[in-house]
Amino acid sequence: MTDDQLDKGTSMVNELFFRLHQENHLTPKQIAHALGQDDRSGYRWIGKYIPDVEQYRTVFLACREKPAVQRQMMGYFLDGTPWIIEPVALEADINGDHDVDTDDVLDGTILALDRLTRVLQETREQQQTGLRRIPPARAQAITLQINEAVRNLLSARKVVTLITAPQPSRVASRL
């Protein structure tokens, strides 16, 4: 497909997909797989078919490992709007529902602390039955659980900070 062909009746999204393909960021096969279609149909999404919002979102989410592509897709989608996008690290979405909210704070904190509590309770029980020295493998398991709990608690803290931070005004002021 040439640039001239793109100018004749294609959408801005087709142009974006074409540019991402030309820059080796997104292949037609990746687009097709994201949309659950056969490999050849990816070329039609670059040059002919215009995706609806849900299909665009599906391709966007499929590019999770390519933040540069996601930034370009969001920028193209939001160009000319007053919207402000602030990316949130994937670890902030603790429950994996693609939405950073108070559920993430609760889920992440509860899961991390439950796992750590179980490991520490088991260790205490072993010590009360006469085990005075923790075997190296057990110490390593405890350390892993502590590290996981700390990671989850830090993510929960980020979520709380994001949720409670004052939001910038979305209305343009007049000078």
C-alpha atoms as a PDB file:
ATOM      1  CA  MET A   1       0.000   0.000   0.000  1.00  0.00           C
ATOM      2  CA  THR A   2       1.345   3.421  -0.901  1.00  0.00           C
ATOM      3  CA  ASP A   3       0.813   6.768   0.789  1.00  0.00           C
ATOM      4  CA  ASP A   4      -1.388   7.771  -2.188  1.00  0.00           C
ATOM      5  CA  GLN A   5      -3.654   4.794  -1.590  1.00  0.00           C
ATOM      6  CA  LEU A   6      -3.991   5.777   2.057  1.00  0.00           C
ATOM      7  CA  ASP A   7      -5.240   9.230   1.119  1.00  0.00           C
ATOM      8  CA  LYS A   8      -8.208   7.767  -0.753  1.00  0.00           C
ATOM      9  CA  GLY A   9     -10.967   6.944   1.688  1.00  0.00           C
ATOM     10  CA  THR A  10      -9.159   5.505   4.686  1.00  0.00           C
ATOM     11  CA  SER A  11      -9.506   6.529   8.283  1.00  0.00           C
ATOM     12  CA  MET A  12      -6.994   8.101  10.624  1.00  0.00           C
ATOM     13  CA  VAL A  13      -6.809   4.767  12.433  1.00  0.00           C
ATOM     14  CA  ASN A  14      -5.867   2.975   9.204  1.00  0.00           C
ATOM     15  CA  GLU A  15      -3.144   5.583   8.729  1.00  0.00           C
ATOM     16  CA  LEU A  16      -1.910   4.985  12.270  1.00  0.00           C
ATOM     17  CA  PHE A  17      -1.848   1.210  11.791  1.00  0.00           C
ATOM     18  CA  PHE A  18      -0.051   1.719   8.447  1.00  0.00           C
ATOM     19  CA  ARG A  19       2.561   3.997  10.064  1.00  0.00           C
ATOM     20  CA  LEU A  20       3.092   1.585  12.967  1.00  0.00           C
ATOM     21  CA  HIS A  21       3.532  -1.212  10.409  1.00  0.00           C
ATOM     22  CA  GLN A  22       5.992   0.852   8.327  1.00  0.00           C
ATOM     23  CA  GLU A  23       8.027   1.625  11.472  1.00  0.00           C
ATOM     24  CA  ASN A  24       8.082  -2.093  12.402  1.00  0.00           C
ATOM     25  CA  HIS A  25       6.141  -1.532  15.630  1.00  0.00           C
ATOM     26  CA  LEU A  26       3.013  -3.493  14.750  1.00  0.00           C
ATOM     27  CA  THR A  27       2.537  -6.217  12.174  1.00  0.00           C
ATOM     28  CA  PRO A  28      -0.673  -7.106  10.344  1.00  0.00           C
ATOM     29  CA  LYS A  29      -0.405 -10.542  11.959  1.00  0.00           C
ATOM     30  CA  GLN A  30      -0.371  -8.951  15.446  1.00  0.00           C
ATOM     31  CA  ILE A  31      -3.447  -6.884  14.596  1.00  0.00           C
ATOM     32  CA  ALA A  32      -5.267  -9.962  13.278  1.00  0.00           C
ATOM     33  CA  HIS A  33      -4.338 -12.049  16.334  1.00  0.00           C
ATOM     34  CA  ALA A  34      -5.466  -9.278  18.701  1.00  0.00           C
ATOM     35  CA  LEU A  35      -8.843  -9.232  16.955  1.00  0.00           C
ATOM     36  CA  GLY A  36      -9.105 -13.035  16.886  1.00  0.00           C
ATOM     37  CA  GLN A  37      -8.923 -13.271  13.098  1.00  0.00           C
ATOM     38  CA  ASP A  38      -6.757 -15.115  10.590  1.00  0.00           C
ATOM     39  CA  ASP A  39      -3.302 -13.738   9.803  1.00  0.00           C
ATOM     40  CA  ARG A  40      -4.185 -12.322   6.371  1.00  0.00           C
ATOM     41  CA  SER A  41      -6.994 -10.134   7.691  1.00  0.00           C
ATOM     42  CA  GLY A  42      -4.462  -7.862   9.429  1.00  0.00           C
ATOM     43  CA  TYR A  43      -3.657  -6.223   6.096  1.00  0.00           C
ATOM     44  CA  ARG A  44      -7.311  -5.284   5.652  1.00  0.00           C
ATOM     45  CA  TRP A  45      -7.276  -3.498   9.020  1.00  0.00           C
ATOM     46  CA  ILE A  46      -4.280  -1.469   7.872  1.00  0.00           C
ATOM     47  CA  GLY A  47      -5.791  -0.436   4.564  1.00  0.00           C
ATOM     48  CA  LYS A  48      -9.538  -0.983   4.398  1.00  0.00           C
ATOM     49  CA  TYR A  49     -11.539  -1.871   7.505  1.00  0.00           C
ATOM     50  CA  ILE A  50     -12.108   0.794  10.098  1.00  0.00           C
ATOM     51  CA  PRO A  51     -12.074  -0.603  13.645  1.00  0.00           C
ATOM     52  CA  ASP A  52     -14.721   0.463  16.117  1.00  0.00           C
ATOM     53  CA  VAL A  53     -13.749   1.653  19.596  1.00  0.00           C
ATOM     54  CA  GLU A  54     -13.864  -1.843  21.105  1.00  0.00           C
ATOM     55  CA  GLN A  55     -11.658  -3.275  18.348  1.00  0.00           C
ATOM     56  CA  TYR A  56      -9.229  -0.372  18.750  1.00  0.00           C
ATOM     57  CA  ARG A  57      -9.163  -1.043  22.510  1.00  0.00           C
ATOM     58  CA  THR A  58      -8.515  -4.734  21.864  1.00  0.00           C
ATOM     59  CA  VAL A  59      -5.495  -3.963  19.662  1.00  0.00           C
ATOM     60  CA  PHE A  60      -4.315  -1.399  22.229  1.00  0.00           C
ATOM     61  CA  LEU A  61      -4.463  -3.951  25.063  1.00  0.00           C
ATOM     62  CA  ALA A  62      -2.705  -6.544  22.904  1.00  0.00           C
ATOM     63  CA  CYS A  63       0.227  -4.117  22.692  1.00  0.00           C
ATOM     64  CA  ARG A  64       0.710  -4.224  26.469  1.00  0.00           C
ATOM     65  CA  GLU A  65       4.384  -5.144  26.050  1.00  0.00           C
ATOM     66  CA  LYS A  66       4.911  -2.218  23.646  1.00  0.00           C
ATOM     67  CA  PRO A  67       4.372   1.018  25.618  1.00  0.00           C
ATOM     68  CA  ALA A  68       5.651   3.156  22.724  1.00  0.00           C
ATOM     69  CA  VAL A  69       2.924   1.751  20.464  1.00  0.00           C
ATOM     70  CA  GLN A  70       0.290   2.301  23.158  1.00  0.00           C
ATOM     71  CA  ARG A  71       1.421   5.928  23.578  1.00  0.00           C
ATOM     72  CA  GLN A  72       1.110   6.509  19.839  1.00  0.00           C
ATOM     73  CA  MET A  73      -2.315   4.863  19.734  1.00  0.00           C
ATOM     74  CA  MET A  74      -3.578   6.933  22.671  1.00  0.00           C
ATOM     75  CA  GLY A  75      -2.079  10.118  21.251  1.00  0.00           C
ATOM     76  CA  TYR A  76      -3.728   9.515  17.902  1.00  0.00           C
ATOM     77  CA  PHE A  77      -7.059   8.728  19.523  1.00  0.00           C
ATOM     78  CA  LEU A  78      -6.992  11.774  21.821  1.00  0.00           C
ATOM     79  CA  ASP A  79      -5.476  14.306  19.432  1.00  0.00           C
ATOM     80  CA  GLY A  80      -7.469  17.516  19.511  1.00  0.00           C
ATOM     81  CA  THR A  81      -9.342  16.680  22.722  1.00  0.00           C
ATOM     82  CA  PRO A  82      -8.875  18.352  26.110  1.00  0.00           C
ATOM     83  CA  TRP A  83      -8.207  14.969  27.724  1.00  0.00           C
ATOM     84  CA  ILE A  84      -5.040  14.384  29.706  1.00  0.00           C
ATOM     85  CA  ILE A  85      -3.621  10.882  29.899  1.00  0.00           C
ATOM     86  CA  GLU A  86      -1.236   9.838  32.640  1.00  0.00           C
ATOM     87  CA  PRO A  87       0.053   6.300  32.229  1.00  0.00           C
ATOM     88  CA  VAL A  88      -0.179   4.019  35.230  1.00  0.00           C
ATOM     89  CA  ALA A  89       2.289   1.192  35.651  1.00  0.00           C
ATOM     90  CA  LEU A  90       0.778  -2.245  35.055  1.00  0.00           C
ATOM     91  CA  GLU A  91       1.707  -3.359  38.552  1.00  0.00           C
ATOM     92  CA  ALA A  92      -0.813  -0.823  39.880  1.00  0.00           C
ATOM     93  CA  ASP A  93      -3.577  -2.953  38.305  1.00  0.00           C
ATOM     94  CA  ILE A  94      -3.244  -5.619  40.971  1.00  0.00           C
ATOM     95  CA  ASN A  95      -6.406  -7.577  40.179  1.00  0.00           C
ATOM     96  CA  GLY A  96      -5.842  -7.481  36.395  1.00  0.00           C
ATOM     97  CA  ASP A  97      -9.158  -5.881  35.398  1.00  0.00           C
ATOM     98  CA  HIS A  98      -7.453  -3.070  33.388  1.00  0.00           C
ATOM     99  CA  ASP A  99      -8.781  -0.467  35.818  1.00  0.00           C
ATOM    100  CA  VAL A 100      -6.753   1.046  38.654  1.00  0.00           C
ATOM    101  CA  ASP A 101      -9.146   1.618  41.492  1.00  0.00           C
ATOM    102  CA  THR A 102      -9.747   0.968  45.180  1.00  0.00           C
ATOM    103  CA  ASP A 103     -10.338  -2.733  44.458  1.00  0.00           C
ATOM    104  CA  ASP A 104      -6.674  -2.964  43.485  1.00  0.00           C
ATOM    105  CA  VAL A 105      -5.637  -1.498  46.814  1.00  0.00           C
ATOM    106  CA  LEU A 106      -7.798  -3.922  48.749  1.00  0.00           C
ATOM    107  CA  ASP A 107      -7.036  -7.004  46.647  1.00  0.00           C
ATOM    108  CA  GLY A 108      -3.295  -6.479  46.529  1.00  0.00           C
ATOM    109  CA  THR A 109      -2.906  -5.682  50.186  1.00  0.00           C
ATOM    110  CA  ILE A 110      -5.117  -8.521  51.385  1.00  0.00           C
ATOM    111  CA  LEU A 111      -3.487 -11.134  49.126  1.00  0.00           C
ATOM    112  CA  ALA A 112       0.059 -10.116  49.968  1.00  0.00           C
ATOM    113  CA  LEU A 113      -0.546 -10.003  53.687  1.00  0.00           C
ATOM    114  CA  ASP A 114      -2.532 -13.276  53.713  1.00  0.00           C
ATOM    115  CA  ARG A 115       0.301 -15.135  51.984  1.00  0.00           C
ATOM    116  CA  LEU A 116       2.925 -13.651  54.271  1.00  0.00           C
ATOM    117  CA  THR A 117       0.803 -14.369  57.346  1.00  0.00           C
ATOM    118  CA  ARG A 118       0.471 -18.046  56.363  1.00  0.00           C
ATOM    119  CA  VAL A 119       4.226 -18.448  55.860  1.00  0.00           C
ATOM    120  CA  LEU A 120       5.039 -16.748  59.146  1.00  0.00           C
ATOM    121  CA  GLN A 121       2.409 -18.766  61.055  1.00  0.00           C
ATOM    122  CA  GLU A 122       3.819 -22.028  59.667  1.00  0.00           C
ATOM    123  CA  THR A 123       7.302 -20.922  60.708  1.00  0.00           C
ATOM    124  CA  ARG A 124       6.111 -20.066  64.211  1.00  0.00           C
ATOM    125  CA  GLU A 125       4.393 -23.467  64.531  1.00  0.00           C
ATOM    126  CA  GLN A 126       7.613 -25.198  63.486  1.00  0.00           C
ATOM    127  CA  GLN A 127       9.602 -23.243  66.055  1.00  0.00           C
ATOM    128  CA  GLN A 128       7.078 -24.033  68.805  1.00  0.00           C
ATOM    129  CA  THR A 129       7.461 -27.741  68.069  1.00  0.00           C
ATOM    130  CA  GLY A 130      11.189 -27.559  68.692  1.00  0.00           C
ATOM    131  CA  LEU A 131      12.712 -26.362  65.413  1.00  0.00           C
ATOM    132  CA  ARG A 132      15.105 -23.612  66.504  1.00  0.00           C
ATOM    133  CA  ARG A 133      16.890 -23.017  63.219  1.00  0.00           C
ATOM    134  CA  ILE A 134      15.106 -22.270  59.957  1.00  0.00           C
ATOM    135  CA  PRO A 135      16.405 -24.430  57.078  1.00  0.00           C
ATOM    136  CA  PRO A 136      17.882 -22.406  54.161  1.00  0.00           C
ATOM    137  CA  ALA A 137      15.077 -23.441  51.761  1.00  0.00           C
ATOM    138  CA  ARG A 138      12.460 -22.282  54.283  1.00  0.00           C
ATOM    139  CA  ALA A 139      14.309 -19.006  54.856  1.00  0.00           C
ATOM    140  CA  GLN A 140      14.365 -18.455  51.103  1.00  0.00           C
ATOM    141  CA  ALA A 141      10.589 -19.096  50.872  1.00  0.00           C
ATOM    142  CA  ILE A 142       9.962 -16.621  53.687  1.00  0.00           C
ATOM    143  CA  THR A 143      12.152 -14.028  51.988  1.00  0.00           C
ATOM    144  CA  LEU A 144      10.258 -14.469  48.708  1.00  0.00           C
ATOM    145  CA  GLN A 145       6.928 -13.979  50.480  1.00  0.00           C
ATOM    146  CA  ILE A 146       8.215 -10.864  52.268  1.00  0.00           C
ATOM    147  CA  ASN A 147       9.484  -9.450  48.951  1.00  0.00           C
ATOM    148  CA  GLU A 148       6.147 -10.170  47.281  1.00  0.00           C
ATOM    149  CA  ALA A 149       4.262  -8.535  50.147  1.00  0.00           C
ATOM    150  CA  VAL A 150       6.480  -5.459  49.961  1.00  0.00           C
ATOM    151  CA  ARG A 151       5.991  -5.201  46.165  1.00  0.00           C
ATOM    152  CA  ASN A 152       2.228  -5.471  46.527  1.00  0.00           C
ATOM    153  CA  LEU A 153       2.135  -3.010  49.384  1.00  0.00           C
ATOM    154  CA  LEU A 154       4.191  -0.527  47.364  1.00  0.00           C
ATOM    155  CA  SER A 155       1.804  -0.948  44.428  1.00  0.00           C
ATOM    156  CA  ALA A 156      -1.125  -0.434  46.772  1.00  0.00           C
ATOM    157  CA  ARG A 157       0.525   2.711  48.068  1.00  0.00           C
ATOM    158  CA  LYS A 158       0.910   3.973  44.465  1.00  0.00           C
ATOM    159  CA  VAL A 159      -2.773   3.305  43.809  1.00  0.00           C
ATOM    160  CA  VAL A 160      -3.806   5.159  46.971  1.00  0.00           C
ATOM    161  CA  THR A 161      -1.587   8.074  45.932  1.00  0.00           C
ATOM    162  CA  LEU A 162      -3.114   8.122  42.439  1.00  0.00           C
ATOM    163  CA  ILE A 163      -6.658   7.934  43.732  1.00  0.00           C
ATOM    164  CA  THR A 164      -6.236  10.602  46.394  1.00  0.00           C
ATOM    165  CA  ALA A 165      -4.080  13.039  44.388  1.00  0.00           C
ATOM    166  CA  PRO A 166      -5.831  16.265  43.400  1.00  0.00           C
ATOM    167  CA  GLN A 167      -6.888  16.109  39.790  1.00  0.00           C
ATOM    168  CA  PRO A 168      -5.879  18.962  37.450  1.00  0.00           C
ATOM    169  CA  SER A 169      -8.656  21.130  36.139  1.00  0.00           C
ATOM    170  CA  ARG A 170     -10.086  19.788  32.908  1.00  0.00           C
ATOM    171  CA  VAL A 171     -11.592  23.137  31.895  1.00  0.00           C
ATOM    172  CA  ALA A 172      -9.362  25.584  30.041  1.00  0.00           C
ATOM    173  CA  SER A 173      -9.112  28.924  31.775  1.00  0.00           C
ATOM    174  CA  ARG A 174      -9.507  32.173  29.951  1.00  0.00           C
ATOM    175  CA  LEU A 175      -6.606  34.586  30.091  1.00  0.00           C
END
